Amino acid sequence: MSNLVEIRNLHFGYGERPILSALDMDFPRGKVVAVMGGSGSGKTTILRLIGGQLTPQSGSITIAGRPVDASDTKAIYALRRKMGMLFQHGALFTDMSVFDNVAFPLHEHTDLPEDMIRDLVLMKLQTVGLRNAAQLRPSEISGGMARRVALARAIALDPELIMYDEPFAGLDPISMGMTANLIRKLNDALGSTSILVSHDVHESFAIADHVYFLSKGAIVAQGTPAEMMASDDPYVKQFVNAEPDGPVPFHYPGASLAEDFGLEAR
């Protein structure tokens, strides 16, 4: 099976602080791939690099064989026409109705007539169960509903690639399960490739075909959800089982408490 997105020997950092090192990743067509890891491991940075919001210091990213070049505005705009993005907190336009939020990418990227845009928007809202909320504002719906509106907007253009940044954050168990099922069903119905950045092990493992685990900007483990559940890797075990002790420390690295208080051994 061919890959829609390929990352090769990618390095990225902010100034002298490295974020990603020698990264190699494949995202096959038609699959849901979860990218997991602790806070600060570089998960969201990967999405920003794929979307052309950031430029790697070295290495390459290709989408359908075409390089992602953030300096080529026209090419990036064309690539984004085939991407959908669900931001961590939805990022809906608060002064627009639910309908207008979903219609936004259609107005931005197409020249379709208004009656066709109306039909497409209502179809997408029907898919996420919110057609009858079309004229409401984001402030008039719940957080879970807002996340579904953002999902409808992400799929408005039937994208080849859909990226999800923490889609389960802040959701109640019912909304979380509903969102996970929607991600899987929409991926299969559209024939898309989905990249899922998440901390939520249960929901992500239930829908993902492949999982990458990141730590300190590098891949420490990868495989199917079943393989990750059975893994003996200390980092994977700590993350999957939510163990407080393991390779990921609680305290940020640096001077010891004794040193800060001048109590170091003499």
Protein backbone atom coordinates (compact mmCIF):
# COMPACT_ATOMS: atom_id res chain seq x y z
CA MET A 1 0.00 0.00 0.00
CA SER A 2 1.38 3.43 -0.95
CA ASN A 3 1.94 6.19 1.58
CA LEU A 4 0.12 9.49 1.32
CA VAL A 5 2.55 11.24 3.67
CA GLU A 6 6.23 10.41 4.13
CA ILE A 7 8.67 12.03 6.57
CA ARG A 8 12.36 11.34 6.11
CA ASN A 9 15.29 12.19 8.42
CA LEU A 10 13.50 15.27 9.71
CA HIS A 11 15.10 17.61 12.24
CA PHE A 12 13.37 20.59 13.81
CA GLY A 13 13.98 22.81 16.78
CA TYR A 14 13.38 26.27 18.22
CA GLY A 15 16.73 28.01 18.32
CA GLU A 16 19.14 25.79 20.20
CA ARG A 17 16.34 23.62 21.63
CA PRO A 18 15.79 20.47 19.51
CA ILE A 19 12.19 19.25 19.20
CA LEU A 20 12.36 16.47 16.58
CA SER A 21 15.44 14.43 15.63
CA ALA A 22 16.06 12.11 12.67
CA LEU A 23 12.34 11.42 12.30
CA ASP A 24 11.11 8.84 9.77
CA MET A 25 7.36 8.24 9.53
CA ASP A 26 4.93 6.76 7.00
CA PHE A 27 1.21 7.44 6.79
CA PRO A 28 -0.43 4.94 4.40
CA ARG A 29 -3.43 5.86 2.30
CA GLY A 30 -6.77 4.95 3.82
CA LYS A 31 -5.41 4.33 7.33
CA VAL A 32 -5.83 5.97 10.73
CA VAL A 33 -2.42 6.52 12.31
CA ALA A 34 -2.12 7.66 15.93
CA VAL A 35 0.85 9.73 17.10
CA MET A 36 1.14 9.48 20.87
CA GLY A 37 3.50 10.60 23.59
CA GLY A 38 3.82 12.85 26.59
CA SER A 39 3.40 16.61 26.56
CA GLY A 40 6.28 18.32 24.79
CA SER A 41 7.27 15.24 22.78
CA GLY A 42 6.70 16.99 19.43
CA LYS A 43 3.32 15.55 18.37
CA THR A 44 1.57 18.78 17.40
CA THR A 45 4.78 20.08 15.84
CA ILE A 46 4.59 17.18 13.36
CA LEU A 47 1.11 18.32 12.28
CA ARG A 48 2.35 21.89 11.83
CA LEU A 49 5.27 20.72 9.73
CA ILE A 50 3.00 18.60 7.51
CA GLY A 51 0.65 21.56 7.09
CA GLY A 52 3.50 23.89 6.13
CA GLN A 53 3.11 26.15 9.16
CA LEU A 54 6.69 25.34 10.18
CA THR A 55 9.80 24.59 8.16
CA PRO A 56 12.16 21.74 9.13
CA GLN A 57 15.81 22.51 9.66
CA SER A 58 16.67 19.45 7.58
CA GLY A 59 14.96 16.41 6.12
CA SER A 60 11.86 16.17 3.95
CA ILE A 61 8.08 15.82 4.06
CA THR A 62 6.12 14.74 1.00
CA ILE A 63 2.37 14.49 0.46
CA ALA A 64 1.31 12.32 -2.48
CA GLY A 65 4.90 12.55 -3.71
CA ARG A 66 5.00 16.35 -3.61
CA PRO A 67 7.36 18.11 -1.19
CA VAL A 68 5.93 20.36 1.50
CA ASP A 69 7.71 23.69 1.02
CA ALA A 70 6.47 26.38 3.40
CA SER A 71 8.27 29.06 1.36
CA ASP A 72 6.17 28.28 -1.75
CA THR A 73 2.89 29.95 -0.84
CA LYS A 74 1.05 28.89 -3.99
CA ALA A 75 2.07 25.22 -3.64
CA ILE A 76 1.22 25.15 0.10
CA TYR A 77 -2.19 26.65 -0.62
CA ALA A 78 -2.83 23.94 -3.22
CA LEU A 79 -1.74 21.21 -0.77
CA ARG A 80 -3.98 22.57 1.97
CA ARG A 81 -6.92 22.33 -0.40
CA LYS A 82 -6.57 18.56 0.10
CA MET A 83 -6.13 18.70 3.88
CA GLY A 84 -8.60 18.92 6.72
CA MET A 85 -7.59 19.98 10.21
CA LEU A 86 -9.41 19.54 13.50
CA PHE A 87 -7.73 21.89 15.97
CA GLN A 88 -7.36 20.98 19.63
CA HIS A 89 -10.08 23.34 20.86
CA GLY A 90 -12.15 23.37 17.67
CA ALA A 91 -11.08 26.92 16.70
CA LEU A 92 -14.52 27.85 15.42
CA PHE A 93 -15.19 31.43 14.38
CA THR A 94 -17.27 32.69 17.29
CA ASP A 95 -19.01 35.44 15.31
CA MET A 96 -20.19 32.99 12.62
CA SER A 97 -23.05 30.52 12.72
CA VAL A 98 -22.44 26.79 12.69
CA PHE A 99 -23.45 26.81 9.02
CA ASP A 100 -21.01 29.59 8.09
CA ASN A 101 -18.16 27.89 9.95
CA VAL A 102 -18.56 24.74 7.88
CA ALA A 103 -19.08 26.75 4.68
CA PHE A 104 -15.88 28.74 5.23
CA PRO A 105 -13.41 26.35 3.51
CA LEU A 106 -15.84 25.90 0.62
CA HIS A 107 -15.98 29.66 0.08
CA GLU A 108 -12.21 29.95 0.54
CA HIS A 109 -11.10 27.15 -1.78
CA THR A 110 -13.88 26.73 -4.39
CA ASP A 111 -16.04 28.71 -6.79
CA LEU A 112 -19.12 26.57 -6.23
CA PRO A 113 -22.54 28.25 -6.45
CA GLU A 114 -24.23 29.11 -3.17
CA ASP A 115 -27.01 26.56 -3.54
CA MET A 116 -24.45 23.77 -3.94
CA ILE A 117 -22.45 25.04 -0.97
CA ARG A 118 -25.66 25.05 1.08
CA ASP A 119 -26.38 21.44 0.19
CA LEU A 120 -22.81 20.34 0.94
CA VAL A 121 -22.77 22.08 4.31
CA LEU A 122 -26.07 20.54 5.35
CA MET A 123 -24.80 17.11 4.28
CA LYS A 124 -21.65 17.49 6.40
CA LEU A 125 -23.67 18.68 9.39
CA GLN A 126 -26.03 15.75 8.92
CA THR A 127 -23.02 13.44 9.03
CA VAL A 128 -22.06 14.73 12.48
CA GLY A 129 -25.67 14.90 13.69
CA LEU A 130 -25.96 18.69 13.81
CA ARG A 131 -27.95 19.70 10.70
CA ASN A 132 -30.65 21.23 12.88
CA ALA A 133 -28.08 23.37 14.70
CA ALA A 134 -26.96 25.08 11.49
CA GLN A 135 -28.12 28.57 12.47
CA LEU A 136 -26.81 28.51 16.04
CA ARG A 137 -23.61 30.24 17.16
CA PRO A 138 -20.74 28.31 18.78
CA SER A 139 -21.64 29.95 22.11
CA GLU A 140 -25.09 28.37 21.90
CA ILE A 141 -23.92 24.76 21.67
CA SER A 142 -21.99 22.46 24.00
CA GLY A 143 -18.27 21.79 23.82
CA GLY A 144 -18.85 18.32 22.39
CA MET A 145 -21.16 19.73 19.72
CA ALA A 146 -18.61 22.41 18.86
CA ARG A 147 -16.00 19.69 18.32
CA ARG A 148 -18.39 17.95 15.92
CA VAL A 149 -18.96 21.21 14.03
CA ALA A 150 -15.18 21.55 13.72
CA LEU A 151 -15.07 17.99 12.39
CA ALA A 152 -17.73 18.84 9.79
CA ARG A 153 -15.62 21.82 8.73
CA ALA A 154 -12.49 19.64 8.54
CA ILE A 155 -14.19 17.28 6.05
CA ALA A 156 -16.02 19.97 4.08
CA LEU A 157 -13.71 19.54 1.07
CA ASP A 158 -13.55 15.71 1.25
CA PRO A 159 -9.80 15.91 1.94
CA GLU A 160 -7.25 13.21 1.23
CA LEU A 161 -5.58 13.95 4.55
CA ILE A 162 -7.33 14.74 7.84
CA MET A 163 -5.28 15.77 10.87
CA TYR A 164 -6.67 15.71 14.40
CA ASP A 165 -4.94 17.55 17.25
CA GLU A 166 -6.17 16.11 20.57
CA PRO A 167 -9.75 15.52 19.35
CA PHE A 168 -10.83 13.93 22.66
CA ALA A 169 -9.52 16.63 25.02
CA GLY A 170 -12.17 17.95 27.38
CA LEU A 171 -14.95 15.68 26.15
CA ASP A 172 -17.28 13.63 28.34
CA PRO A 173 -17.19 9.82 27.83
CA ILE A 174 -20.23 9.79 25.52
CA SER A 175 -18.91 12.60 23.31
CA MET A 176 -15.46 11.00 23.33
CA GLY A 177 -16.77 7.66 22.06
CA MET A 178 -18.97 9.40 19.51
CA THR A 179 -16.05 11.45 18.20
CA ALA A 180 -13.81 8.39 17.94
CA ASN A 181 -16.45 6.49 15.96
CA LEU A 182 -16.95 9.47 13.66
CA ILE A 183 -13.22 9.72 12.95
CA ARG A 184 -13.05 6.05 11.95
CA LYS A 185 -16.27 6.07 9.91
CA LEU A 186 -15.42 9.28 8.09
CA ASN A 187 -11.93 8.06 7.28
CA ASP A 188 -13.33 4.88 5.74
CA ALA A 189 -16.21 6.61 3.94
CA LEU A 190 -13.98 9.28 2.39
CA GLY A 191 -11.03 6.97 1.73
CA SER A 192 -8.87 9.49 3.55
CA THR A 193 -5.69 9.15 5.55
CA SER A 194 -6.08 10.33 9.15
CA ILE A 195 -3.33 11.43 11.53
CA LEU A 196 -4.51 11.40 15.11
CA VAL A 197 -2.48 13.19 17.79
CA SER A 198 -3.79 12.18 21.19
CA HIS A 199 -3.03 11.31 24.80
CA ASP A 200 -6.12 9.12 25.07
CA VAL A 201 -5.02 5.50 24.86
CA HIS A 202 -8.39 3.74 24.93
CA GLU A 203 -10.15 5.75 22.23
CA SER A 204 -7.08 6.01 19.99
CA PHE A 205 -6.27 2.31 20.17
CA ALA A 206 -9.91 1.47 19.36
CA ILE A 207 -9.76 3.18 15.95
CA ALA A 208 -6.10 3.34 14.89
CA ASP A 209 -4.45 1.00 12.39
CA HIS A 210 -0.93 1.97 13.45
CA VAL A 211 0.57 3.81 16.42
CA TYR A 212 3.77 5.83 16.78
CA PHE A 213 5.07 6.62 20.26
CA LEU A 214 7.27 9.71 20.59
CA SER A 215 9.59 10.66 23.41
CA LYS A 216 12.00 13.60 23.38
CA GLY A 217 11.42 14.14 19.67
CA ALA A 218 12.20 10.59 18.54
CA ILE A 219 10.16 7.48 17.85
CA VAL A 220 10.64 5.02 20.69
CA ALA A 221 8.08 2.44 19.55
CA GLN A 222 5.59 1.76 16.79
CA GLY A 223 3.18 -0.95 15.71
CA THR A 224 -0.48 -1.93 15.80
CA PRO A 225 -2.52 -1.11 18.91
CA ALA A 226 -2.44 -4.80 19.88
CA GLU A 227 1.36 -4.85 19.58
CA MET A 228 1.64 -1.71 21.70
CA MET A 229 -0.63 -3.15 24.39
CA ALA A 230 1.63 -6.21 24.59
CA SER A 231 4.87 -4.23 24.39
CA ASP A 232 7.57 -4.65 27.05
CA ASP A 233 9.11 -1.29 26.16
CA PRO A 234 9.35 0.66 29.46
CA TYR A 235 8.13 3.92 27.92
CA VAL A 236 5.14 2.30 26.19
CA LYS A 237 4.21 0.39 29.34
CA GLN A 238 4.35 3.53 31.45
CA PHE A 239 2.22 5.51 28.98
CA VAL A 240 -0.35 2.80 28.21
CA ASN A 241 -0.82 1.90 31.86
CA ALA A 242 -0.62 5.50 33.15
CA GLU A 243 2.13 4.54 35.60
CA PRO A 244 3.67 7.39 37.63
CA ASP A 245 7.13 5.81 37.67
CA GLY A 246 9.12 5.03 34.53
CA PRO A 247 11.29 6.61 31.83
CA VAL A 248 9.17 9.79 31.82
CA PRO A 249 10.06 11.74 34.98
CA PHE A 250 7.61 13.90 36.91
CA HIS A 251 10.11 16.73 37.47
CA TYR A 252 11.47 18.91 34.66
CA PRO A 253 15.22 18.22 34.32
CA GLY A 254 17.62 20.69 35.94
CA ALA A 255 19.15 21.56 39.27
CA SER A 256 18.12 19.56 42.30
CA LEU A 257 15.97 21.04 45.05
CA ALA A 258 18.95 20.83 47.41
CA GLU A 259 21.05 22.90 45.04
CA ASP A 260 18.35 25.56 44.68
CA PHE A 261 18.14 25.94 48.45
CA GLY A 262 21.90 25.84 48.95
CA LEU A 263 21.75 22.53 50.77
CA GLU A 264 24.05 20.54 48.50
CA ALA A 265 26.42 18.21 50.26
CA ARG A 266 29.66 19.79 51.41
